[in-house]
C-alpha atoms as a PDB file:
ATOM      1  CA  MET A   1      -3.297  19.411   1.233  1.00  0.00           C
ATOM      2  CA  ILE A   2      -3.031  17.296   3.518  1.00  0.00           C
ATOM      3  CA  LYS A   3      -4.688  14.075   4.299  1.00  0.00           C
ATOM      4  CA  VAL A   4      -4.660  11.472   6.799  1.00  0.00           C
ATOM      5  CA  ALA A   5      -6.772   7.924   6.557  1.00  0.00           C
ATOM      6  CA  TYR A   6      -6.284   4.999   9.223  1.00  0.00           C
ATOM      7  CA  CYS A   7      -7.568   1.368   8.656  1.00  0.00           C
ATOM      8  CA  ASN A   8      -7.772  -1.748  11.202  1.00  0.00           C
ATOM      9  CA  VAL A   9      -6.518  -4.734   9.264  1.00  0.00           C
ATOM     10  CA  LYS A  10      -7.731  -7.188  11.736  1.00  0.00           C
ATOM     11  CA  ASP A  11     -10.396  -8.631  10.136  1.00  0.00           C
ATOM     12  CA  LEU A  12      -8.701  -8.503   6.494  1.00  0.00           C
ATOM     13  CA  ASP A  13      -9.320 -11.362   4.349  1.00  0.00           C
ATOM     14  CA  LEU A  14      -6.304 -12.255   2.992  1.00  0.00           C
ATOM     15  CA  GLU A  15      -7.681 -14.858   0.821  1.00  0.00           C
ATOM     16  CA  LYS A  16     -10.037 -12.545  -0.750  1.00  0.00           C
ATOM     17  CA  ILE A  17      -7.380  -9.318  -1.247  1.00  0.00           C
ATOM     18  CA  TYR A  18      -4.500 -11.461  -2.264  1.00  0.00           C
ATOM     19  CA  PRO A  19      -5.812 -11.893  -5.898  1.00  0.00           C
ATOM     20  CA  ILE A  20      -6.476  -8.163  -6.499  1.00  0.00           C
ATOM     21  CA  LEU A  21      -2.630  -7.072  -5.347  1.00  0.00           C
ATOM     22  CA  PRO A  22      -0.405  -6.411  -8.054  1.00  0.00           C
ATOM     23  CA  GLU A  23       2.146  -8.740  -8.487  1.00  0.00           C
ATOM     24  CA  SER A  24       4.960  -6.955  -7.022  1.00  0.00           C
ATOM     25  CA  ARG A  25       2.335  -6.315  -3.997  1.00  0.00           C
ATOM     26  CA  GLN A  26       2.173  -9.821  -3.527  1.00  0.00           C
ATOM     27  CA  GLU A  27       5.912 -10.806  -3.642  1.00  0.00           C
ATOM     28  CA  LYS A  28       6.187  -8.290  -1.164  1.00  0.00           C
ATOM     29  CA  VAL A  29       3.369  -9.851   1.099  1.00  0.00           C
ATOM     30  CA  ASP A  30       4.625 -13.361   0.581  1.00  0.00           C
ATOM     31  CA  ASN A  31       7.516 -12.418   2.421  1.00  0.00           C
ATOM     32  CA  PHE A  32       6.287 -12.044   5.519  1.00  0.00           C
ATOM     33  CA  ILE A  33       5.735 -15.258   7.940  1.00  0.00           C
ATOM     34  CA  PHE A  34       2.833 -13.873  10.125  1.00  0.00           C
ATOM     35  CA  ASP A  35      -0.848 -13.121   9.013  1.00  0.00           C
ATOM     36  CA  LYS A  36      -0.541 -10.020  10.896  1.00  0.00           C
ATOM     37  CA  ASP A  37       2.179  -8.428   8.997  1.00  0.00           C
ATOM     38  CA  LYS A  38       0.825 -10.038   5.881  1.00  0.00           C
ATOM     39  CA  LYS A  39      -2.591  -8.179   6.086  1.00  0.00           C
ATOM     40  CA  LEU A  40      -0.245  -4.936   7.189  1.00  0.00           C
ATOM     41  CA  SER A  41       1.398  -4.975   4.298  1.00  0.00           C
ATOM     42  CA  SER A  42      -1.850  -5.842   2.268  1.00  0.00           C
ATOM     43  CA  GLY A  43      -4.259  -2.758   4.046  1.00  0.00           C
ATOM     44  CA  VAL A  44      -1.397  -0.464   3.933  1.00  0.00           C
ATOM     45  CA  TYR A  45      -1.610  -0.722  -0.011  1.00  0.00           C
ATOM     46  CA  LEU A  46      -5.319  -0.908  -0.918  1.00  0.00           C
ATOM     47  CA  LEU A  47      -5.382   2.522   1.772  1.00  0.00           C
ATOM     48  CA  LEU A  48      -3.093   4.025  -0.168  1.00  0.00           C
ATOM     49  CA  LYS A  49      -4.852   2.816  -3.580  1.00  0.00           C
ATOM     50  CA  LYS A  50      -8.233   4.268  -2.402  1.00  0.00           C
ATOM     51  CA  MET A  51      -6.650   7.558  -1.455  1.00  0.00           C
ATOM     52  CA  LEU A  52      -5.198   8.132  -4.755  1.00  0.00           C
ATOM     53  CA  ASP A  53      -8.008   7.026  -6.465  1.00  0.00           C
ATOM     54  CA  GLU A  54     -10.020   9.805  -4.515  1.00  0.00           C
ATOM     55  CA  GLU A  55      -7.558  12.755  -6.033  1.00  0.00           C
ATOM     56  CA  ASN A  56      -7.827  11.274  -9.725  1.00  0.00           C
ATOM     57  CA  ILE A  57      -4.207   9.463  -9.867  1.00  0.00           C
ATOM     58  CA  ASN A  58      -4.226   6.827 -12.352  1.00  0.00           C
ATOM     59  CA  ASN A  59      -1.754   4.280 -12.829  1.00  0.00           C
ATOM     60  CA  PRO A  60       0.710   5.121 -10.120  1.00  0.00           C
ATOM     61  CA  ILE A  61       4.114   3.583 -10.186  1.00  0.00           C
ATOM     62  CA  ILE A  62       5.232   2.738  -6.436  1.00  0.00           C
ATOM     63  CA  GLU A  63       9.224   2.444  -6.567  1.00  0.00           C
ATOM     64  CA  THR A  64      11.278   2.322  -3.491  1.00  0.00           C
ATOM     65  CA  GLU A  65      14.126   4.915  -2.827  1.00  0.00           C
ATOM     66  CA  LYS A  66      17.392   3.597  -1.677  1.00  0.00           C
ATOM     67  CA  ASP A  67      16.518   3.387   1.756  1.00  0.00           C
ATOM     68  CA  GLY A  68      13.541   1.983   1.711  1.00  0.00           C
ATOM     69  CA  LYS A  69      11.180   4.715   1.179  1.00  0.00           C
ATOM     70  CA  PRO A  70       8.223   4.679  -1.394  1.00  0.00           C
ATOM     71  CA  TYR A  71       7.720   7.212  -3.654  1.00  0.00           C
ATOM     72  CA  ILE A  72       4.927   7.480  -6.488  1.00  0.00           C
ATOM     73  CA  SER A  73       7.682   7.885  -9.737  1.00  0.00           C
ATOM     74  CA  ASN A  74       5.252   9.103 -12.045  1.00  0.00           C
ATOM     75  CA  TYR A  75       3.701  12.056 -10.113  1.00  0.00           C
ATOM     76  CA  ASP A  76       6.556  13.975  -8.514  1.00  0.00           C
ATOM     77  CA  ASN A  77       3.983  16.223  -6.793  1.00  0.00           C
ATOM     78  CA  ILE A  78       2.548  13.732  -4.501  1.00  0.00           C
ATOM     79  CA  HIS A  79       4.365  12.625  -1.424  1.00  0.00           C
ATOM     80  CA  PHE A  80       2.847  10.042   1.493  1.00  0.00           C
ATOM     81  CA  ASN A  81       4.335   8.265   4.593  1.00  0.00           C
ATOM     82  CA  VAL A  82       2.774   5.225   5.665  1.00  0.00           C
ATOM     83  CA  SER A  83       3.081   3.716   9.363  1.00  0.00           C
ATOM     84  CA  HIS A  84       2.421  -0.219  10.052  1.00  0.00           C
ATOM     85  CA  ALA A  85       1.417   0.166  13.782  1.00  0.00           C
END
């Protein structure tokens, strides 16, 4: 099955969503200078989490390959790709 999703993060309230992000995503968001990039990073996490929840994928462990591509290490049959455009 292939699912496609998108969202507009323009009006995302960083102060409201930041506390619900996991620590690892907060650290990633903190590394960005511009709010636009912080919103994109936060939004993509929330969108991925929503899609995984819809498929009853619980407690995914998101890790990063050497080339920077994220993957879910405890679900080897789930593959995803994200774009920040």
